[in-house]
Amino acid sequence: MTPQHPETDRNSKFKKWFKRVGIGGLIFFTLKGIAWLFVFYFGAEMFNDCSGHQ
């Protein structure tokens, strides 16, 4: 029985996930994350503008 190192186990999980999802999935999830950052940033700006404070 050989001990598995956590970093190689994690690395193999990432490789398995990446093979399953592919480059299209990587691009999709990256753009989705960026879109959510914009939503939270501009959503906070919008609520800040609606409060009437200057």
N, C-alpha and C. Protein backbone atom coordinates (compact mmCIF):
# COMPACT_ATOMS: atom_id res chain seq x y z
N MET A 1 0.85 -1.18 0.00
CA MET A 1 0.00 0.00 0.00
C MET A 1 0.88 1.23 0.00
N THR A 2 0.73 2.07 -1.02
CA THR A 2 1.55 3.27 -1.12
C THR A 2 0.76 4.48 -0.63
N PRO A 3 1.41 5.32 0.14
CA PRO A 3 0.70 6.53 0.62
C PRO A 3 0.55 7.53 -0.51
N GLN A 4 -0.63 8.11 -0.60
CA GLN A 4 -0.87 9.13 -1.62
C GLN A 4 -0.62 10.50 -1.02
N HIS A 5 0.07 11.30 -1.78
CA HIS A 5 0.32 12.67 -1.35
C HIS A 5 -0.91 13.51 -1.69
N PRO A 6 -1.32 14.40 -0.79
CA PRO A 6 -2.52 15.20 -1.04
C PRO A 6 -2.43 16.06 -2.31
N GLU A 7 -1.22 16.58 -2.61
CA GLU A 7 -1.12 17.46 -3.77
C GLU A 7 -1.30 16.69 -5.08
N THR A 8 -0.79 15.45 -5.15
CA THR A 8 -0.98 14.68 -6.38
C THR A 8 -2.42 14.21 -6.49
N ASP A 9 -3.06 13.94 -5.38
CA ASP A 9 -4.48 13.54 -5.40
C ASP A 9 -5.34 14.70 -5.88
N ARG A 10 -5.05 15.89 -5.38
CA ARG A 10 -5.79 17.08 -5.78
C ARG A 10 -5.52 17.38 -7.26
N ASN A 11 -4.28 17.21 -7.68
CA ASN A 11 -3.90 17.47 -9.06
C ASN A 11 -4.61 16.51 -10.01
N SER A 12 -4.71 15.25 -9.62
CA SER A 12 -5.39 14.28 -10.48
C SER A 12 -6.89 14.57 -10.55
N LYS A 13 -7.47 15.05 -9.47
CA LYS A 13 -8.89 15.42 -9.50
C LYS A 13 -9.12 16.59 -10.45
N PHE A 14 -8.20 17.56 -10.44
CA PHE A 14 -8.32 18.69 -11.34
C PHE A 14 -8.19 18.23 -12.79
N LYS A 15 -7.23 17.36 -13.06
CA LYS A 15 -7.05 16.85 -14.42
C LYS A 15 -8.27 16.09 -14.89
N LYS A 16 -8.84 15.27 -14.01
CA LYS A 16 -10.04 14.51 -14.36
C LYS A 16 -11.20 15.46 -14.66
N TRP A 17 -11.38 16.49 -13.83
CA TRP A 17 -12.45 17.47 -14.04
C TRP A 17 -12.23 18.21 -15.34
N PHE A 18 -10.98 18.63 -15.60
CA PHE A 18 -10.68 19.40 -16.81
C PHE A 18 -10.91 18.56 -18.06
N LYS A 19 -10.57 17.29 -18.03
CA LYS A 19 -10.80 16.41 -19.18
C LYS A 19 -12.29 16.27 -19.44
N ARG A 20 -13.07 16.21 -18.37
CA ARG A 20 -14.51 16.05 -18.52
C ARG A 20 -15.16 17.33 -19.06
N VAL A 21 -14.74 18.48 -18.56
CA VAL A 21 -15.37 19.74 -18.92
C VAL A 21 -14.76 20.33 -20.20
N GLY A 22 -13.46 20.27 -20.33
CA GLY A 22 -12.79 20.76 -21.52
C GLY A 22 -12.54 22.26 -21.49
N ILE A 23 -11.98 22.75 -22.57
CA ILE A 23 -11.62 24.16 -22.66
C ILE A 23 -12.85 25.05 -22.70
N GLY A 24 -13.92 24.57 -23.31
CA GLY A 24 -15.16 25.35 -23.36
C GLY A 24 -15.72 25.58 -21.96
N GLY A 25 -15.67 24.56 -21.13
CA GLY A 25 -16.14 24.70 -19.76
C GLY A 25 -15.28 25.64 -18.95
N LEU A 26 -13.98 25.58 -19.18
CA LEU A 26 -13.07 26.48 -18.47
C LEU A 26 -13.37 27.93 -18.83
N ILE A 27 -13.56 28.20 -20.12
CA ILE A 27 -13.90 29.56 -20.56
C ILE A 27 -15.25 29.98 -19.99
N PHE A 28 -16.23 29.07 -20.03
CA PHE A 28 -17.56 29.37 -19.51
C PHE A 28 -17.51 29.75 -18.04
N PHE A 29 -16.85 28.93 -17.22
CA PHE A 29 -16.83 29.21 -15.78
C PHE A 29 -16.01 30.45 -15.45
N THR A 30 -14.98 30.74 -16.24
CA THR A 30 -14.21 31.96 -16.02
C THR A 30 -15.06 33.19 -16.32
N LEU A 31 -15.76 33.17 -17.45
CA LEU A 31 -16.62 34.31 -17.80
C LEU A 31 -17.78 34.44 -16.83
N LYS A 32 -18.30 33.32 -16.36
CA LYS A 32 -19.39 33.36 -15.38
C LYS A 32 -18.92 34.01 -14.08
N GLY A 33 -17.73 33.68 -13.64
CA GLY A 33 -17.18 34.28 -12.43
C GLY A 33 -16.97 35.78 -12.58
N ILE A 34 -16.44 36.18 -13.73
CA ILE A 34 -16.24 37.61 -13.99
C ILE A 34 -17.58 38.34 -14.05
N ALA A 35 -18.57 37.71 -14.66
CA ALA A 35 -19.91 38.33 -14.73
C ALA A 35 -20.48 38.54 -13.34
N TRP A 36 -20.33 37.56 -12.45
CA TRP A 36 -20.84 37.72 -11.09
C TRP A 36 -20.11 38.84 -10.35
N LEU A 37 -18.82 39.01 -10.59
CA LEU A 37 -18.09 40.12 -9.97
C LEU A 37 -18.67 41.46 -10.41
N PHE A 38 -18.98 41.58 -11.71
CA PHE A 38 -19.60 42.80 -12.22
C PHE A 38 -20.99 43.01 -11.60
N VAL A 39 -21.75 41.94 -11.49
CA VAL A 39 -23.10 42.05 -10.92
C VAL A 39 -23.03 42.56 -9.48
N PHE A 40 -22.14 41.99 -8.68
CA PHE A 40 -22.04 42.43 -7.29
C PHE A 40 -21.52 43.86 -7.19
N TYR A 41 -20.53 44.20 -8.02
CA TYR A 41 -19.96 45.54 -7.95
C TYR A 41 -20.97 46.59 -8.38
N PHE A 42 -21.56 46.42 -9.56
CA PHE A 42 -22.49 47.42 -10.05
C PHE A 42 -23.83 47.37 -9.31
N GLY A 43 -24.19 46.23 -8.76
CA GLY A 43 -25.38 46.15 -7.92
C GLY A 43 -25.22 46.96 -6.66
N ALA A 44 -24.04 46.89 -6.05
CA ALA A 44 -23.76 47.70 -4.86
C ALA A 44 -23.74 49.18 -5.21
N GLU A 45 -23.17 49.51 -6.36
CA GLU A 45 -23.17 50.91 -6.81
C GLU A 45 -24.59 51.41 -7.01
N MET A 46 -25.43 50.59 -7.61
CA MET A 46 -26.81 50.98 -7.88
C MET A 46 -27.56 51.24 -6.57
N PHE A 47 -27.40 50.35 -5.58
CA PHE A 47 -28.09 50.53 -4.30
C PHE A 47 -27.51 51.74 -3.56
N ASN A 48 -26.24 51.99 -3.73
CA ASN A 48 -25.62 53.14 -3.09
C ASN A 48 -26.17 54.43 -3.70
N ASP A 49 -26.39 54.45 -5.02
CA ASP A 49 -26.95 55.63 -5.68
C ASP A 49 -28.41 55.84 -5.30
N CYS A 50 -29.16 54.77 -5.07
CA CYS A 50 -30.57 54.88 -4.74
C CYS A 50 -30.81 55.39 -3.32
N SER A 51 -29.79 55.32 -2.49
CA SER A 51 -30.00 55.71 -1.09
C SER A 51 -30.09 57.22 -0.93
N GLY A 52 -29.65 57.98 -1.91
CA GLY A 52 -29.79 59.43 -1.86
C GLY A 52 -28.67 60.14 -1.12
N HIS A 53 -27.68 59.42 -0.64
CA HIS A 53 -26.54 60.05 0.03
C HIS A 53 -25.62 60.65 -1.01
N GLN A 54 -25.06 61.84 -0.66
CA GLN A 54 -24.16 62.48 -1.61
C GLN A 54 -22.82 62.76 -1.03
